[in-house]
Amino acid sequence: MNTFLNRVEKILSVAVSAIIGLMMLWVFAQVVTRYVFNYTPSFGEELARYMFVWVVFLSLPIVAKKGGHMAIEMITVRLKGAALRRVNLIADAFTLVFLGIMVWHGIGMVMRASYQTSPALQISMSWVYLAIPLGCGIMLLNVLQHFLSLLRTGAADQS
């Protein structure tokens, strides 16, 4: 599972970098067209907003795998051994439940949004909402891997 998640992380990193690059170019082009040509494409802001949504949700698994999400370190830096392991297991369990809910309801949103189109781009809103279950689902796999590795390690291995 580790090899699979490493490959997925590389793909996500490339995708996020590409989307950020495209978003920057697109927003820059919008500013130029607005101030130089006094014209702004009607779909410009909508496209940038949807790309930003995808960047946020595709970045979640990358940040989670690197341990970059917010944590209450005030507590965890003072713990060692079995106590730290228990706190990490509890945190991962709550995170797994939350991500499971996000994936479940995200899939529901994708299905409900299939009947709705975006105002300017005229694409199915399912494409926009698909970022939620996809990003949260991959993050769920990362947290599940961490949770299982915590279960396999002993308290003495925690520092």
Protein backbone atom coordinates (compact mmCIF):
# COMPACT_ATOMS: atom_id res chain seq x y z
CA MET A 1 0.00 0.00 0.00
CA ASN A 2 2.95 2.32 0.69
CA THR A 3 4.20 2.06 -2.92
CA PHE A 4 0.73 2.81 -4.25
CA LEU A 5 0.32 5.86 -1.99
CA ASN A 6 3.78 7.15 -2.95
CA ARG A 7 2.84 6.97 -6.63
CA VAL A 8 -0.48 8.67 -5.96
CA GLU A 9 1.35 11.41 -4.03
CA LYS A 10 3.67 12.04 -6.98
CA ILE A 11 0.72 12.22 -9.38
CA LEU A 12 -1.14 14.58 -7.06
CA SER A 13 1.95 16.77 -6.65
CA VAL A 14 2.30 17.14 -10.42
CA ALA A 15 -1.44 17.76 -10.81
CA VAL A 16 -1.54 20.37 -8.05
CA SER A 17 1.54 22.12 -9.43
CA ALA A 18 0.04 22.17 -12.93
CA ILE A 19 -3.31 23.49 -11.70
CA ILE A 20 -1.63 26.21 -9.62
CA GLY A 21 0.48 27.22 -12.63
CA LEU A 22 -2.55 27.32 -14.92
CA MET A 23 -4.53 29.23 -12.31
CA MET A 24 -1.79 31.84 -11.94
CA LEU A 25 -1.52 32.27 -15.72
CA TRP A 26 -5.27 32.48 -16.09
CA VAL A 27 -5.73 35.06 -13.33
CA PHE A 28 -2.82 37.11 -14.72
CA ALA A 29 -4.36 36.98 -18.20
CA GLN A 30 -7.67 38.11 -16.73
CA VAL A 31 -6.05 41.12 -15.08
CA VAL A 32 -4.27 42.04 -18.32
CA THR A 33 -7.44 41.73 -20.42
CA ARG A 34 -9.44 43.72 -17.88
CA TYR A 35 -7.05 46.66 -17.63
CA VAL A 36 -5.45 46.68 -21.09
CA PHE A 37 -8.33 45.62 -23.34
CA ASN A 38 -11.23 46.56 -21.04
CA TYR A 39 -12.62 43.04 -21.53
CA THR A 40 -12.93 40.10 -19.17
CA PRO A 41 -14.16 36.66 -20.28
CA SER A 42 -17.39 35.79 -18.50
CA PHE A 43 -16.12 32.40 -17.35
CA GLY A 44 -12.75 33.62 -16.02
CA GLU A 45 -13.51 34.00 -12.33
CA GLU A 46 -15.55 30.81 -12.27
CA LEU A 47 -12.72 28.80 -13.81
CA ALA A 48 -10.18 30.19 -11.33
CA ARG A 49 -12.54 29.43 -8.41
CA TYR A 50 -13.07 25.83 -9.53
CA MET A 51 -9.34 25.30 -10.05
CA PHE A 52 -8.76 26.60 -6.52
CA VAL A 53 -11.27 24.08 -5.13
CA TRP A 54 -9.41 21.27 -6.88
CA VAL A 55 -6.04 22.53 -5.60
CA VAL A 56 -7.31 22.57 -2.01
CA PHE A 57 -8.78 19.08 -2.04
CA LEU A 58 -5.96 17.47 -4.01
CA SER A 59 -3.42 19.04 -1.64
CA LEU A 60 -5.06 17.51 1.45
CA PRO A 61 -3.53 14.02 1.02
CA ILE A 62 -0.08 15.44 0.23
CA VAL A 63 -0.04 17.59 3.36
CA ALA A 64 -1.48 14.77 5.49
CA LYS A 65 1.16 12.32 4.35
CA LYS A 66 3.92 14.77 5.27
CA GLY A 67 2.29 15.46 8.66
CA GLY A 68 1.74 19.11 7.84
CA HIS A 69 -1.81 19.51 9.11
CA MET A 70 -2.62 21.42 12.24
CA ALA A 71 -2.01 19.55 15.45
CA ILE A 72 -2.20 20.36 19.11
CA GLU A 73 1.50 19.98 19.73
CA MET A 74 1.15 21.51 23.16
CA ILE A 75 -0.04 18.08 24.27
CA THR A 76 1.84 15.71 21.99
CA VAL A 77 5.32 17.17 22.57
CA ARG A 78 4.99 16.30 26.26
CA LEU A 79 4.00 12.68 25.64
CA LYS A 80 6.22 9.69 24.98
CA GLY A 81 5.80 5.98 24.50
CA ALA A 82 2.42 4.37 25.09
CA ALA A 83 0.64 7.65 25.92
CA LEU A 84 1.75 9.26 22.64
CA ARG A 85 0.73 6.15 20.73
CA ARG A 86 -2.75 6.18 22.32
CA VAL A 87 -3.26 9.88 21.55
CA ASN A 88 -2.15 9.34 17.94
CA LEU A 89 -4.43 6.32 17.59
CA ILE A 90 -7.40 8.31 18.93
CA ALA A 91 -6.61 11.27 16.66
CA ASP A 92 -6.32 8.98 13.63
CA ALA A 93 -9.58 7.21 14.54
CA PHE A 94 -11.47 10.51 14.69
CA THR A 95 -9.83 11.63 11.45
CA LEU A 96 -10.85 8.38 9.74
CA VAL A 97 -14.46 8.84 10.83
CA PHE A 98 -14.48 12.47 9.66
CA LEU A 99 -12.92 11.59 6.29
CA GLY A 100 -15.35 8.70 5.86
CA ILE A 101 -18.23 11.14 6.34
CA MET A 102 -16.64 13.58 3.89
CA VAL A 103 -16.22 10.87 1.24
CA TRP A 104 -19.76 9.55 1.75
CA HIS A 105 -21.42 12.94 1.58
CA GLY A 106 -19.04 14.09 -1.17
CA ILE A 107 -20.19 11.20 -3.35
CA GLY A 108 -23.79 12.21 -2.59
CA MET A 109 -23.02 15.79 -3.61
CA VAL A 110 -21.46 14.60 -6.87
CA MET A 111 -24.55 12.56 -7.69
CA ARG A 112 -26.99 15.36 -6.79
CA ALA A 113 -24.97 17.96 -8.69
CA SER A 114 -25.09 15.96 -11.92
CA TYR A 115 -28.33 17.77 -12.78
CA GLN A 116 -26.80 21.22 -12.31
CA THR A 117 -24.50 23.11 -14.67
CA SER A 118 -22.17 25.96 -13.82
CA PRO A 119 -23.45 29.36 -14.94
CA ALA A 120 -20.54 30.51 -17.09
CA LEU A 121 -18.60 27.37 -18.08
CA GLN A 122 -21.73 25.27 -18.64
CA ILE A 123 -20.07 22.14 -17.23
CA SER A 124 -21.69 19.70 -14.84
CA MET A 125 -21.18 20.76 -11.23
CA SER A 126 -20.34 17.11 -10.54
CA TRP A 127 -16.86 17.83 -11.94
CA VAL A 128 -16.36 20.56 -9.36
CA TYR A 129 -17.69 18.52 -6.42
CA LEU A 130 -15.71 15.41 -7.46
CA ALA A 131 -12.66 17.00 -5.83
CA ILE A 132 -14.20 16.42 -2.37
CA PRO A 133 -14.53 12.61 -2.34
CA LEU A 134 -11.36 12.19 -4.40
CA GLY A 135 -9.10 14.28 -2.14
CA CYS A 136 -10.69 13.10 1.10
CA GLY A 137 -10.64 9.47 -0.09
CA ILE A 138 -6.91 9.56 -0.82
CA MET A 139 -6.29 11.31 2.49
CA LEU A 140 -8.35 8.60 4.20
CA LEU A 141 -5.99 5.98 2.74
CA ASN A 142 -2.96 7.90 4.05
CA VAL A 143 -4.43 8.22 7.54
CA LEU A 144 -5.48 4.55 7.48
CA GLN A 145 -1.91 3.57 6.60
CA HIS A 146 -0.59 5.68 9.50
CA PHE A 147 -3.21 4.20 11.86
CA LEU A 148 -2.29 0.63 10.88
CA SER A 149 1.43 1.34 11.28
CA LEU A 150 0.72 2.71 14.79
CA LEU A 151 -1.15 -0.50 15.62
CA ARG A 152 1.81 -2.58 14.45
CA THR A 153 4.47 -0.66 16.37
CA GLY A 154 5.04 -0.98 20.07
CA ALA A 155 4.90 1.84 22.62
CA ALA A 156 8.69 1.85 22.89
CA ASP A 157 8.94 2.78 19.19
CA GLN A 158 7.02 6.03 19.72
CA SER A 159 9.02 9.16 20.47
